[in-house]
């Protein structure tokens, strides 16, 4: 797999590139955000450090997400919950805090890839909830006629709920279907993405929470 490693630390980048190469990956390294954005179309996977010299990594991630759905794992020394939440909301598929083991990184990359190959909502369906229209084929969302842009993972969650409006999906079911890992049930990832859907649509009742049960798409 062609991996774009965005990391300004020369020693770490060299060690990580060598380790990934041993796992069969072809690694191209960029030390700056502008170089990474220029090289984005060559990558099948992006590993993104947040402490870049020319631009904050989260801003680079947001710019990348405007034009690409390439899988991204954020690699950073930032450990505060708000940084993790911001990374997920900006479009990261996963978040790994330094220092980490190469084996864990490779396992997470494989998990992200598996999620991307899982079957999504059936094509040719449109689901309406009030003034909200969810097109499961084109992956477009409109509210009161205006387009709303979600991250890839946010739309994945919304599409899963939209397959059967009103049917409750447990946290474990959603995490297994979308993230490919039920063990994430104690993490904030799902909560962050549900909150993102509600905030971006301006329709807090679009996704209903059933305490200690799960979530469902509203029916009216």
N, C-alpha and C. Protein backbone atom coordinates (compact mmCIF):
# COMPACT_ATOMS: atom_id res chain seq x y z
N UNK A 1 0.84 -1.19 0.00
CA UNK A 1 0.00 0.00 0.00
C UNK A 1 0.88 1.25 0.00
N UNK A 2 0.46 2.27 -0.73
CA UNK A 2 1.21 3.53 -0.79
C UNK A 2 0.78 4.42 0.39
N UNK A 3 1.71 4.65 1.29
CA UNK A 3 1.44 5.40 2.52
C UNK A 3 2.15 6.75 2.46
N UNK A 4 1.41 7.80 2.73
CA UNK A 4 2.00 9.14 2.86
C UNK A 4 2.19 9.43 4.34
N UNK A 5 3.43 9.52 4.77
CA UNK A 5 3.77 9.79 6.16
C UNK A 5 4.09 11.28 6.31
N UNK A 6 3.27 11.98 7.05
CA UNK A 6 3.45 13.43 7.23
C UNK A 6 4.01 13.64 8.63
N UNK A 7 5.30 13.83 8.72
CA UNK A 7 6.00 13.88 10.00
C UNK A 7 7.26 14.73 9.84
N UNK A 8 7.43 15.74 10.73
CA UNK A 8 8.58 16.64 10.59
C UNK A 8 9.80 16.19 11.37
N UNK A 9 9.65 15.18 12.22
CA UNK A 9 10.78 14.66 12.99
C UNK A 9 11.53 13.64 12.12
N UNK A 10 12.76 14.00 11.71
CA UNK A 10 13.51 13.17 10.78
C UNK A 10 13.77 11.77 11.31
N UNK A 11 14.19 11.67 12.57
CA UNK A 11 14.52 10.36 13.13
C UNK A 11 13.30 9.48 13.25
N UNK A 12 12.20 10.05 13.74
CA UNK A 12 10.97 9.27 13.87
C UNK A 12 10.45 8.84 12.50
N UNK A 13 10.49 9.77 11.55
CA UNK A 13 10.00 9.46 10.21
C UNK A 13 10.80 8.33 9.58
N UNK A 14 12.12 8.37 9.73
CA UNK A 14 12.97 7.32 9.15
C UNK A 14 12.69 5.97 9.78
N UNK A 15 12.55 5.95 11.11
CA UNK A 15 12.29 4.69 11.81
C UNK A 15 10.93 4.13 11.44
N UNK A 16 9.94 5.00 11.38
CA UNK A 16 8.58 4.55 11.06
C UNK A 16 8.48 4.08 9.61
N UNK A 17 9.12 4.81 8.70
CA UNK A 17 9.11 4.41 7.30
C UNK A 17 9.76 3.04 7.12
N UNK A 18 10.86 2.81 7.83
CA UNK A 18 11.54 1.51 7.73
C UNK A 18 10.66 0.39 8.28
N UNK A 19 9.99 0.67 9.39
CA UNK A 19 9.12 -0.34 10.00
C UNK A 19 7.93 -0.68 9.09
N UNK A 20 7.35 0.34 8.48
CA UNK A 20 6.21 0.11 7.59
C UNK A 20 6.66 -0.63 6.33
N UNK A 21 7.85 -0.32 5.87
CA UNK A 21 8.39 -1.02 4.69
C UNK A 21 8.53 -2.51 4.96
N UNK A 22 8.91 -2.86 6.19
CA UNK A 22 9.03 -4.28 6.55
C UNK A 22 7.68 -4.99 6.51
N UNK A 23 6.61 -4.21 6.64
CA UNK A 23 5.25 -4.77 6.56
C UNK A 23 4.70 -4.70 5.14
N UNK A 24 5.56 -4.35 4.18
CA UNK A 24 5.16 -4.38 2.78
C UNK A 24 4.59 -3.09 2.23
N UNK A 25 4.68 -2.00 3.00
CA UNK A 25 4.13 -0.73 2.54
C UNK A 25 5.21 0.11 1.85
N UNK A 26 4.77 0.90 0.87
CA UNK A 26 5.66 1.85 0.21
C UNK A 26 5.38 3.23 0.80
N UNK A 27 6.39 3.81 1.41
CA UNK A 27 6.20 5.04 2.18
C UNK A 27 6.85 6.23 1.49
N UNK A 28 6.07 7.31 1.37
CA UNK A 28 6.59 8.60 0.94
C UNK A 28 6.43 9.54 2.12
N UNK A 29 7.50 10.25 2.44
CA UNK A 29 7.48 11.12 3.62
C UNK A 29 7.38 12.59 3.22
N UNK A 30 6.53 13.33 3.91
CA UNK A 30 6.44 14.78 3.76
C UNK A 30 6.66 15.40 5.13
N UNK A 31 7.50 16.42 5.19
CA UNK A 31 7.80 17.06 6.47
C UNK A 31 6.98 18.31 6.71
N UNK A 32 6.20 18.75 5.71
CA UNK A 32 5.40 19.95 5.82
C UNK A 32 3.98 19.68 5.31
N UNK A 33 3.03 20.46 5.81
CA UNK A 33 1.64 20.28 5.41
C UNK A 33 1.44 20.58 3.93
N UNK A 34 2.09 21.63 3.42
CA UNK A 34 1.88 21.97 2.01
C UNK A 34 2.40 20.87 1.09
N UNK A 35 3.50 20.22 1.48
CA UNK A 35 3.99 19.09 0.69
C UNK A 35 3.00 17.92 0.74
N UNK A 36 2.44 17.69 1.91
CA UNK A 36 1.48 16.60 2.06
C UNK A 36 0.25 16.83 1.19
N UNK A 37 -0.26 18.05 1.17
CA UNK A 37 -1.44 18.35 0.35
C UNK A 37 -1.12 18.21 -1.14
N UNK A 38 0.10 18.51 -1.49
CA UNK A 38 0.51 18.37 -2.90
C UNK A 38 0.61 16.90 -3.29
N UNK A 39 1.00 16.04 -2.34
CA UNK A 39 1.23 14.63 -2.63
C UNK A 39 0.02 13.75 -2.34
N UNK A 40 -1.08 14.34 -1.91
CA UNK A 40 -2.23 13.57 -1.43
C UNK A 40 -2.75 12.56 -2.44
N UNK A 41 -2.71 12.91 -3.73
CA UNK A 41 -3.30 12.04 -4.75
C UNK A 41 -2.47 10.79 -5.02
N UNK A 42 -1.26 10.74 -4.48
CA UNK A 42 -0.42 9.56 -4.67
C UNK A 42 -0.62 8.54 -3.55
N UNK A 43 -1.39 8.91 -2.54
CA UNK A 43 -1.48 8.09 -1.33
C UNK A 43 -2.75 7.25 -1.29
N UNK A 44 -2.60 6.04 -0.75
CA UNK A 44 -3.74 5.19 -0.43
C UNK A 44 -4.06 5.26 1.05
N UNK A 45 -3.15 5.83 1.82
CA UNK A 45 -3.33 5.96 3.27
C UNK A 45 -2.43 7.10 3.74
N UNK A 46 -2.91 7.89 4.69
CA UNK A 46 -2.14 9.01 5.22
C UNK A 46 -1.96 8.85 6.73
N UNK A 47 -0.73 9.00 7.18
CA UNK A 47 -0.41 9.06 8.61
C UNK A 47 0.03 10.49 8.88
N UNK A 48 -0.73 11.20 9.72
CA UNK A 48 -0.57 12.65 9.84
C UNK A 48 -0.19 13.07 11.25
N UNK A 49 0.99 13.66 11.38
CA UNK A 49 1.40 14.30 12.63
C UNK A 49 0.73 15.66 12.71
N UNK A 50 0.40 16.10 13.93
CA UNK A 50 -0.27 17.40 14.07
C UNK A 50 0.69 18.55 14.27
N UNK A 51 1.91 18.28 14.73
CA UNK A 51 2.86 19.35 15.00
C UNK A 51 3.74 19.66 13.82
N UNK A 52 3.18 20.23 12.78
CA UNK A 52 3.93 20.52 11.56
C UNK A 52 4.44 21.96 11.57
N UNK A 53 5.56 22.24 10.90
CA UNK A 53 6.18 23.56 11.00
C UNK A 53 5.44 24.67 10.26
N UNK A 54 4.68 24.34 9.22
CA UNK A 54 4.07 25.39 8.40
C UNK A 54 2.57 25.55 8.63
N UNK A 55 1.95 24.58 9.31
CA UNK A 55 0.50 24.64 9.48
C UNK A 55 0.10 23.65 10.57
N UNK A 56 -0.89 23.99 11.37
CA UNK A 56 -1.38 23.04 12.35
C UNK A 56 -1.94 21.82 11.61
N UNK A 57 -1.65 20.63 12.13
CA UNK A 57 -2.08 19.42 11.47
C UNK A 57 -3.58 19.29 11.32
N UNK A 58 -4.35 19.83 12.26
CA UNK A 58 -5.80 19.76 12.15
C UNK A 58 -6.31 20.60 10.98
N UNK A 59 -5.68 21.74 10.75
CA UNK A 59 -6.06 22.55 9.59
C UNK A 59 -5.69 21.82 8.30
N UNK A 60 -4.53 21.18 8.29
CA UNK A 60 -4.14 20.39 7.12
C UNK A 60 -5.15 19.26 6.88
N UNK A 61 -5.61 18.64 7.95
CA UNK A 61 -6.60 17.57 7.83
C UNK A 61 -7.91 18.10 7.26
N UNK A 62 -8.35 19.25 7.74
CA UNK A 62 -9.60 19.83 7.22
C UNK A 62 -9.47 20.15 5.73
N UNK A 63 -8.33 20.69 5.33
CA UNK A 63 -8.13 21.00 3.90
C UNK A 63 -8.09 19.72 3.07
N UNK A 64 -7.46 18.68 3.61
CA UNK A 64 -7.42 17.40 2.91
C UNK A 64 -8.82 16.83 2.73
N UNK A 65 -9.63 16.92 3.76
CA UNK A 65 -10.97 16.34 3.71
C UNK A 65 -11.91 17.07 2.74
N UNK A 66 -11.58 18.30 2.40
CA UNK A 66 -12.41 19.01 1.42
C UNK A 66 -12.28 18.41 0.03
N UNK A 67 -11.18 17.71 -0.22
CA UNK A 67 -10.92 17.23 -1.58
C UNK A 67 -10.63 15.73 -1.66
N UNK A 68 -10.57 15.05 -0.52
CA UNK A 68 -10.16 13.64 -0.55
C UNK A 68 -10.82 12.85 0.58
N UNK A 69 -11.10 11.58 0.28
CA UNK A 69 -11.62 10.66 1.29
C UNK A 69 -10.58 9.61 1.68
N UNK A 70 -9.32 9.85 1.34
CA UNK A 70 -8.26 8.91 1.68
C UNK A 70 -8.25 8.64 3.18
N UNK A 71 -8.07 7.38 3.61
CA UNK A 71 -8.03 7.09 5.05
C UNK A 71 -6.89 7.84 5.74
N UNK A 72 -7.17 8.35 6.93
CA UNK A 72 -6.18 9.13 7.68
C UNK A 72 -6.15 8.67 9.13
N UNK A 73 -4.97 8.37 9.63
CA UNK A 73 -4.76 8.18 11.06
C UNK A 73 -3.87 9.31 11.55
N UNK A 74 -4.33 10.00 12.58
CA UNK A 74 -3.56 11.08 13.19
C UNK A 74 -2.58 10.48 14.19
N UNK A 75 -1.32 10.89 14.10
CA UNK A 75 -0.27 10.47 15.02
C UNK A 75 0.23 11.71 15.75
N UNK A 76 0.12 11.74 17.06
CA UNK A 76 0.47 12.96 17.76
C UNK A 76 0.81 12.71 19.21
N UNK A 77 1.52 13.66 19.80
CA UNK A 77 1.82 13.61 21.23
C UNK A 77 0.73 14.30 22.05
N UNK A 78 -0.23 14.93 21.39
CA UNK A 78 -1.32 15.61 22.11
C UNK A 78 -2.26 14.57 22.72
N UNK A 79 -2.47 14.67 24.02
CA UNK A 79 -3.25 13.65 24.71
C UNK A 79 -4.57 14.17 25.28
N UNK A 80 -4.81 15.48 25.20
CA UNK A 80 -6.04 16.01 25.78
C UNK A 80 -7.25 15.56 24.98
N UNK A 81 -8.34 15.29 25.69
CA UNK A 81 -9.55 14.80 25.04
C UNK A 81 -10.05 15.76 23.97
N UNK A 82 -9.93 17.07 24.21
CA UNK A 82 -10.45 18.02 23.23
C UNK A 82 -9.68 17.93 21.92
N UNK A 83 -8.38 17.59 21.98
CA UNK A 83 -7.60 17.44 20.75
C UNK A 83 -8.04 16.19 19.99
N UNK A 84 -8.32 15.12 20.72
CA UNK A 84 -8.79 13.89 20.09
C UNK A 84 -10.14 14.13 19.43
N UNK A 85 -11.04 14.81 20.15
CA UNK A 85 -12.36 15.11 19.61
C UNK A 85 -12.25 15.98 18.35
N UNK A 86 -11.39 16.98 18.40
CA UNK A 86 -11.21 17.86 17.23
C UNK A 86 -10.66 17.08 16.04
N UNK A 87 -9.75 16.16 16.31
CA UNK A 87 -9.20 15.35 15.23
C UNK A 87 -10.27 14.49 14.56
N UNK A 88 -11.11 13.86 15.36
CA UNK A 88 -12.17 13.02 14.81
C UNK A 88 -13.18 13.87 14.06
N UNK A 89 -13.52 15.02 14.61
CA UNK A 89 -14.49 15.89 13.94
C UNK A 89 -13.95 16.47 12.65
N UNK A 90 -12.64 16.59 12.57
CA UNK A 90 -12.03 17.13 11.36
C UNK A 90 -11.91 16.10 10.25
N UNK A 91 -12.22 14.83 10.57
CA UNK A 91 -12.23 13.82 9.53
C UNK A 91 -11.23 12.69 9.67
N UNK A 92 -10.53 12.61 10.80
CA UNK A 92 -9.60 11.49 11.00
C UNK A 92 -10.38 10.19 11.15
N UNK A 93 -9.84 9.11 10.61
CA UNK A 93 -10.45 7.80 10.78
C UNK A 93 -10.03 7.15 12.08
N UNK A 94 -8.89 7.55 12.61
CA UNK A 94 -8.42 7.03 13.89
C UNK A 94 -7.39 8.00 14.44
N UNK A 95 -6.99 7.78 15.69
CA UNK A 95 -6.13 8.71 16.40
C UNK A 95 -5.20 7.89 17.29
N UNK A 96 -3.90 8.04 17.12
CA UNK A 96 -2.93 7.27 17.88
C UNK A 96 -1.95 8.22 18.56
N UNK A 97 -1.81 8.04 19.87
CA UNK A 97 -0.97 8.95 20.66
C UNK A 97 0.45 8.38 20.77
N UNK A 98 1.43 9.25 20.53
CA UNK A 98 2.83 8.86 20.68
C UNK A 98 3.19 8.78 22.17
N UNK A 99 4.11 7.88 22.53
CA UNK A 99 4.74 6.85 21.69
C UNK A 99 3.80 5.67 21.49
N UNK A 100 3.97 4.96 20.39
CA UNK A 100 3.12 3.82 20.10
C UNK A 100 3.98 2.71 19.49
N UNK A 101 3.47 1.51 19.52
CA UNK A 101 4.17 0.37 18.92
C UNK A 101 3.78 0.25 17.45
N UNK A 102 4.74 -0.10 16.62
CA UNK A 102 4.45 -0.24 15.20
C UNK A 102 3.35 -1.27 14.95
N UNK A 103 3.35 -2.35 15.75
CA UNK A 103 2.34 -3.39 15.57
C UNK A 103 0.94 -2.83 15.78
N UNK A 104 0.80 -1.94 16.75
CA UNK A 104 -0.52 -1.34 16.98
C UNK A 104 -0.92 -0.45 15.82
N UNK A 105 0.02 0.34 15.31
CA UNK A 105 -0.28 1.20 14.17
C UNK A 105 -0.72 0.38 12.97
N UNK A 106 0.02 -0.67 12.66
CA UNK A 106 -0.32 -1.51 11.51
C UNK A 106 -1.70 -2.14 11.70
N UNK A 107 -2.01 -2.59 12.92
CA UNK A 107 -3.32 -3.18 13.19
C UNK A 107 -4.43 -2.16 13.00
N UNK A 108 -4.19 -0.94 13.42
CA UNK A 108 -5.20 0.11 13.25
C UNK A 108 -5.38 0.46 11.77
N UNK A 109 -4.29 0.48 11.01
CA UNK A 109 -4.39 0.73 9.58
C UNK A 109 -5.23 -0.36 8.90
N UNK A 110 -4.99 -1.60 9.29
CA UNK A 110 -5.75 -2.70 8.72
C UNK A 110 -7.22 -2.60 9.09
N UNK A 111 -7.51 -2.17 10.32
CA UNK A 111 -8.91 -2.02 10.76
C UNK A 111 -9.60 -0.92 9.96
N UNK A 112 -8.91 0.20 9.73
CA UNK A 112 -9.49 1.28 8.94
C UNK A 112 -9.78 0.81 7.52
N UNK A 113 -8.87 0.04 6.96
CA UNK A 113 -9.09 -0.50 5.60
C UNK A 113 -10.29 -1.43 5.56
N UNK A 114 -10.45 -2.26 6.58
CA UNK A 114 -11.60 -3.18 6.61
C UNK A 114 -12.91 -2.40 6.65
N UNK A 115 -12.93 -1.32 7.42
CA UNK A 115 -14.15 -0.51 7.48
C UNK A 115 -14.52 0.00 6.10
N UNK A 116 -13.50 0.42 5.34
CA UNK A 116 -13.76 0.99 4.03
C UNK A 116 -14.31 0.00 3.03
N UNK A 117 -14.10 -1.31 3.27
CA UNK A 117 -14.60 -2.32 2.34
C UNK A 117 -15.91 -2.92 2.78
N UNK A 118 -16.43 -2.51 3.93
CA UNK A 118 -17.71 -3.05 4.38
C UNK A 118 -18.83 -2.52 3.52
N UNK A 119 -19.85 -3.35 3.28
CA UNK A 119 -20.97 -2.87 2.47
C UNK A 119 -21.71 -1.75 3.16
N UNK A 120 -22.10 -0.75 2.39
CA UNK A 120 -22.83 0.39 2.93
C UNK A 120 -24.31 0.27 2.58
N UNK A 121 -25.03 1.33 2.82
CA UNK A 121 -26.47 1.32 2.60
C UNK A 121 -26.79 0.98 1.15
N UNK A 122 -27.93 0.34 0.96
CA UNK A 122 -28.35 -0.07 -0.38
C UNK A 122 -28.49 1.12 -1.30
N UNK A 123 -28.05 0.94 -2.56
CA UNK A 123 -28.10 2.03 -3.52
C UNK A 123 -29.53 2.34 -3.93
N UNK A 124 -29.73 3.54 -4.42
CA UNK A 124 -31.02 3.90 -4.99
C UNK A 124 -32.08 4.32 -3.99
N UNK A 125 -31.69 4.58 -2.76
CA UNK A 125 -32.66 4.93 -1.73
C UNK A 125 -32.47 6.36 -1.26
N UNK A 126 -33.58 7.02 -1.03
CA UNK A 126 -33.59 8.33 -0.40
C UNK A 126 -34.49 8.26 0.81
N UNK A 127 -34.03 8.84 1.90
CA UNK A 127 -34.79 8.82 3.15
C UNK A 127 -35.05 10.25 3.56
N UNK A 128 -36.31 10.57 3.84
CA UNK A 128 -36.70 11.92 4.26
C UNK A 128 -37.15 11.90 5.71
N UNK A 129 -36.65 12.87 6.45
CA UNK A 129 -37.10 13.09 7.83
C UNK A 129 -37.40 14.57 7.96
N UNK A 130 -38.66 14.95 7.91
CA UNK A 130 -39.01 16.36 7.91
C UNK A 130 -38.41 17.03 6.68
N UNK A 131 -37.62 18.07 6.88
CA UNK A 131 -37.01 18.77 5.75
C UNK A 131 -35.60 18.26 5.45
N UNK A 132 -35.24 17.12 6.05
CA UNK A 132 -33.92 16.52 5.84
C UNK A 132 -34.03 15.37 4.84
N UNK A 133 -33.19 15.41 3.80
CA UNK A 133 -33.18 14.37 2.78
C UNK A 133 -31.82 13.71 2.75
N UNK A 134 -31.80 12.40 2.94
CA UNK A 134 -30.57 11.62 2.95
C UNK A 134 -30.57 10.73 1.72
N UNK A 135 -29.64 10.96 0.80
CA UNK A 135 -29.53 10.15 -0.40
C UNK A 135 -28.43 9.13 -0.18
N UNK A 136 -28.83 7.86 -0.03
CA UNK A 136 -27.87 6.83 0.32
C UNK A 136 -27.02 6.38 -0.87
N UNK A 137 -27.46 6.67 -2.08
CA UNK A 137 -26.69 6.30 -3.26
C UNK A 137 -25.59 7.31 -3.55
N UNK A 138 -25.96 8.58 -3.55
CA UNK A 138 -24.98 9.62 -3.87
C UNK A 138 -24.25 10.14 -2.65
N UNK A 139 -24.69 9.69 -1.44
CA UNK A 139 -24.11 10.14 -0.18
C UNK A 139 -24.21 11.66 -0.05
N UNK A 140 -25.37 12.19 -0.43
CA UNK A 140 -25.63 13.61 -0.28
C UNK A 140 -26.69 13.83 0.78
N UNK A 141 -26.52 14.93 1.50
CA UNK A 141 -27.45 15.28 2.58
C UNK A 141 -27.88 16.72 2.40
N UNK A 142 -29.18 16.96 2.44
CA UNK A 142 -29.70 18.33 2.36
C UNK A 142 -30.67 18.57 3.50
N UNK A 143 -30.66 19.79 3.99
CA UNK A 143 -31.60 20.22 5.03
C UNK A 143 -32.28 21.48 4.53
N UNK A 144 -33.59 21.41 4.41
CA UNK A 144 -34.36 22.54 3.88
C UNK A 144 -33.82 22.98 2.52
N UNK A 145 -33.41 22.02 1.72
CA UNK A 145 -32.92 22.29 0.37
C UNK A 145 -31.46 22.67 0.26
N UNK A 146 -30.80 22.90 1.38
CA UNK A 146 -29.38 23.30 1.37
C UNK A 146 -28.49 22.09 1.66
N UNK A 147 -27.40 21.98 0.90
CA UNK A 147 -26.48 20.86 1.10
C UNK A 147 -25.75 20.99 2.43
N UNK A 148 -25.59 19.86 3.11
CA UNK A 148 -24.85 19.79 4.36
C UNK A 148 -23.70 18.81 4.16
N UNK A 149 -22.49 19.22 4.48
CA UNK A 149 -21.31 18.39 4.28
C UNK A 149 -20.93 17.72 5.60
N UNK A 150 -20.96 16.39 5.59
CA UNK A 150 -20.51 15.61 6.74
C UNK A 150 -19.16 14.98 6.42
N UNK A 151 -18.42 14.59 7.43
CA UNK A 151 -17.24 13.78 7.20
C UNK A 151 -17.68 12.41 6.73
N UNK A 152 -16.75 11.67 6.15
CA UNK A 152 -17.08 10.33 5.66
C UNK A 152 -17.68 9.47 6.76
N UNK A 153 -17.07 9.49 7.93
CA UNK A 153 -17.53 8.63 9.02
C UNK A 153 -18.88 9.10 9.55
N UNK A 154 -19.10 10.39 9.62
CA UNK A 154 -20.40 10.90 10.05
C UNK A 154 -21.50 10.41 9.11
N UNK A 155 -21.24 10.46 7.79
CA UNK A 155 -22.27 10.00 6.86
C UNK A 155 -22.46 8.49 6.97
N UNK A 156 -21.39 7.75 7.22
CA UNK A 156 -21.51 6.31 7.41
C UNK A 156 -22.47 5.99 8.55
N UNK A 157 -22.32 6.71 9.66
CA UNK A 157 -23.21 6.50 10.82
C UNK A 157 -24.65 6.85 10.46
N UNK A 158 -24.82 8.00 9.83
CA UNK A 158 -26.16 8.44 9.45
C UNK A 158 -26.80 7.46 8.47
N UNK A 159 -26.03 6.98 7.50
CA UNK A 159 -26.57 6.04 6.51
C UNK A 159 -26.99 4.73 7.16
N UNK A 160 -26.22 4.26 8.13
CA UNK A 160 -26.59 3.03 8.82
C UNK A 160 -27.93 3.19 9.52
N UNK A 161 -28.13 4.32 10.19
CA UNK A 161 -29.39 4.57 10.88
C UNK A 161 -30.53 4.76 9.88
N UNK A 162 -30.21 5.34 8.72
CA UNK A 162 -31.24 5.64 7.72
C UNK A 162 -31.72 4.41 6.96
N UNK A 163 -30.97 3.32 7.03
CA UNK A 163 -31.42 2.11 6.36
C UNK A 163 -32.78 1.67 6.88
N UNK A 164 -32.98 1.83 8.18
CA UNK A 164 -34.25 1.45 8.81
C UNK A 164 -34.63 2.53 9.82
N UNK A 165 -35.22 3.63 9.34
CA UNK A 165 -35.61 4.72 10.25
C UNK A 165 -36.51 4.20 11.37
N UNK A 166 -36.24 4.66 12.57
CA UNK A 166 -37.04 4.25 13.72
C UNK A 166 -36.54 3.01 14.41
N UNK A 167 -35.67 2.24 13.75
CA UNK A 167 -35.12 1.03 14.35
C UNK A 167 -33.91 1.39 15.20
N UNK A 168 -33.87 0.92 16.42
CA UNK A 168 -32.78 1.25 17.33
C UNK A 168 -31.55 0.40 17.01
N UNK A 169 -30.41 1.07 16.89
CA UNK A 169 -29.14 0.39 16.69
C UNK A 169 -28.31 0.57 17.96
N UNK A 170 -27.82 -0.52 18.51
CA UNK A 170 -27.00 -0.42 19.72
C UNK A 170 -25.65 0.18 19.40
N UNK A 171 -24.99 0.70 20.44
CA UNK A 171 -23.64 1.25 20.26
C UNK A 171 -22.72 0.18 19.69
N UNK A 172 -22.82 -1.04 20.24
CA UNK A 172 -21.95 -2.11 19.80
C UNK A 172 -22.17 -2.45 18.32
N UNK A 173 -23.43 -2.44 17.90
CA UNK A 173 -23.75 -2.74 16.50
C UNK A 173 -23.16 -1.68 15.57
N UNK A 174 -23.31 -0.41 15.96
CA UNK A 174 -22.79 0.68 15.12
C UNK A 174 -21.27 0.62 15.06
N UNK A 175 -20.64 0.41 16.20
CA UNK A 175 -19.18 0.37 16.24
C UNK A 175 -18.64 -0.81 15.44
N UNK A 176 -19.32 -1.94 15.48
CA UNK A 176 -18.88 -3.09 14.72
C UNK A 176 -19.06 -2.86 13.23
N UNK A 177 -20.19 -2.28 12.83
CA UNK A 177 -20.48 -2.07 11.41
C UNK A 177 -19.62 -0.98 10.79
N UNK A 178 -19.46 0.13 11.50
CA UNK A 178 -18.76 1.30 10.94
C UNK A 178 -17.28 1.30 11.28
N UNK A 179 -16.96 1.03 12.55
CA UNK A 179 -15.56 1.08 12.97
C UNK A 179 -14.88 -0.29 12.89
N UNK A 180 -15.68 -1.36 12.83
CA UNK A 180 -15.11 -2.70 12.78
C UNK A 180 -14.52 -3.15 14.09
N UNK A 181 -14.98 -2.54 15.19
CA UNK A 181 -14.39 -2.87 16.49
C UNK A 181 -15.38 -2.57 17.60
N UNK A 182 -16.00 -3.61 18.15
CA UNK A 182 -16.96 -3.38 19.24
C UNK A 182 -16.26 -2.97 20.53
N UNK A 183 -14.95 -3.19 20.60
CA UNK A 183 -14.22 -2.85 21.81
C UNK A 183 -14.06 -1.35 21.99
N UNK A 184 -14.48 -0.57 20.97
CA UNK A 184 -14.43 0.88 21.09
C UNK A 184 -15.62 1.44 21.86
N UNK A 185 -16.46 0.55 22.43
CA UNK A 185 -17.71 0.99 23.05
C UNK A 185 -17.49 1.99 24.18
N UNK A 186 -16.30 1.97 24.79
CA UNK A 186 -16.04 2.90 25.88
C UNK A 186 -15.41 4.20 25.39
N UNK A 187 -15.15 4.32 24.10
CA UNK A 187 -14.50 5.51 23.58
C UNK A 187 -15.53 6.58 23.23
N UNK A 188 -15.04 7.77 22.93
CA UNK A 188 -15.91 8.88 22.58
C UNK A 188 -16.17 8.99 21.09
N UNK A 189 -15.59 8.11 20.28
CA UNK A 189 -15.67 8.26 18.83
C UNK A 189 -17.11 8.36 18.34
N UNK A 190 -17.96 7.43 18.74
CA UNK A 190 -19.34 7.45 18.26
C UNK A 190 -20.07 8.69 18.73
N UNK A 191 -19.89 9.06 19.99
CA UNK A 191 -20.56 10.25 20.54
C UNK A 191 -20.15 11.50 19.76
N UNK A 192 -18.88 11.60 19.43
CA UNK A 192 -18.38 12.75 18.68
C UNK A 192 -19.04 12.84 17.31
N UNK A 193 -19.18 11.71 16.64
CA UNK A 193 -19.75 11.72 15.31
C UNK A 193 -21.26 11.99 15.33
N UNK A 194 -21.96 11.46 16.32
CA UNK A 194 -23.39 11.76 16.47
C UNK A 194 -23.57 13.26 16.73
N UNK A 195 -22.74 13.81 17.61
CA UNK A 195 -22.82 15.25 17.91
C UNK A 195 -22.54 16.07 16.66
N UNK A 196 -21.59 15.60 15.83
CA UNK A 196 -21.28 16.31 14.58
C UNK A 196 -22.46 16.32 13.62
N UNK A 197 -23.16 15.21 13.51
CA UNK A 197 -24.34 15.14 12.64
C UNK A 197 -25.40 16.13 13.10
N UNK A 198 -25.65 16.14 14.41
CA UNK A 198 -26.69 17.03 14.95
C UNK A 198 -26.32 18.49 14.75
N UNK A 199 -25.05 18.83 15.01
CA UNK A 199 -24.62 20.22 14.90
C UNK A 199 -24.64 20.71 13.46
N UNK A 200 -24.13 19.90 12.55
CA UNK A 200 -24.02 20.34 11.15
C UNK A 200 -25.38 20.43 10.46
N UNK A 201 -26.31 19.55 10.83
CA UNK A 201 -27.65 19.62 10.23
C UNK A 201 -28.51 20.67 10.89
N UNK A 202 -28.15 21.05 12.14
CA UNK A 202 -29.01 21.96 12.89
C UNK A 202 -30.32 21.31 13.29
N UNK A 203 -30.34 19.98 13.28
CA UNK A 203 -31.54 19.21 13.63
C UNK A 203 -31.17 18.24 14.75
N UNK A 204 -31.14 18.72 16.00
CA UNK A 204 -30.71 17.85 17.11
C UNK A 204 -31.58 16.62 17.31
N UNK A 205 -32.82 16.67 16.82
CA UNK A 205 -33.70 15.52 16.96
C UNK A 205 -33.62 14.53 15.84
N UNK A 206 -32.75 14.77 14.85
CA UNK A 206 -32.64 13.87 13.70
C UNK A 206 -32.18 12.49 14.14
N UNK A 207 -31.19 12.45 15.02
CA UNK A 207 -30.72 11.19 15.59
C UNK A 207 -31.13 11.17 17.06
N UNK A 208 -31.94 10.20 17.42
CA UNK A 208 -32.45 10.10 18.78
C UNK A 208 -31.60 9.15 19.61
N UNK A 209 -31.34 9.54 20.85
CA UNK A 209 -30.58 8.71 21.78
C UNK A 209 -31.54 7.99 22.71
N UNK A 210 -31.39 6.69 22.81
CA UNK A 210 -32.15 5.91 23.78
C UNK A 210 -31.18 5.44 24.84
N UNK A 211 -31.26 6.05 26.00
CA UNK A 211 -30.29 5.82 27.06
C UNK A 211 -30.12 4.33 27.36
N UNK A 212 -28.87 3.91 27.43
CA UNK A 212 -28.49 2.54 27.73
C UNK A 212 -28.94 1.55 26.66
N UNK A 213 -29.39 2.06 25.51
CA UNK A 213 -29.83 1.18 24.43
C UNK A 213 -29.05 1.46 23.15
N UNK A 214 -29.17 2.69 22.62
CA UNK A 214 -28.47 3.02 21.38
C UNK A 214 -29.04 4.23 20.71
N UNK A 215 -29.04 4.23 19.38
CA UNK A 215 -29.50 5.39 18.60
C UNK A 215 -30.46 4.93 17.52
N UNK A 216 -31.29 5.87 17.05
CA UNK A 216 -32.15 5.60 15.92
C UNK A 216 -32.39 6.90 15.16
N UNK A 217 -32.71 6.78 13.87
CA UNK A 217 -33.08 7.92 13.08
C UNK A 217 -34.53 8.26 13.34
N UNK A 218 -34.80 9.54 13.55
CA UNK A 218 -36.19 9.95 13.77
C UNK A 218 -37.03 9.61 12.55
N UNK A 219 -38.31 9.48 12.74
CA UNK A 219 -39.21 9.14 11.63
C UNK A 219 -40.08 10.32 11.21
N UNK A 220 -39.99 11.43 11.90
CA UNK A 220 -40.79 12.60 11.53
C UNK A 220 -40.10 13.87 12.04
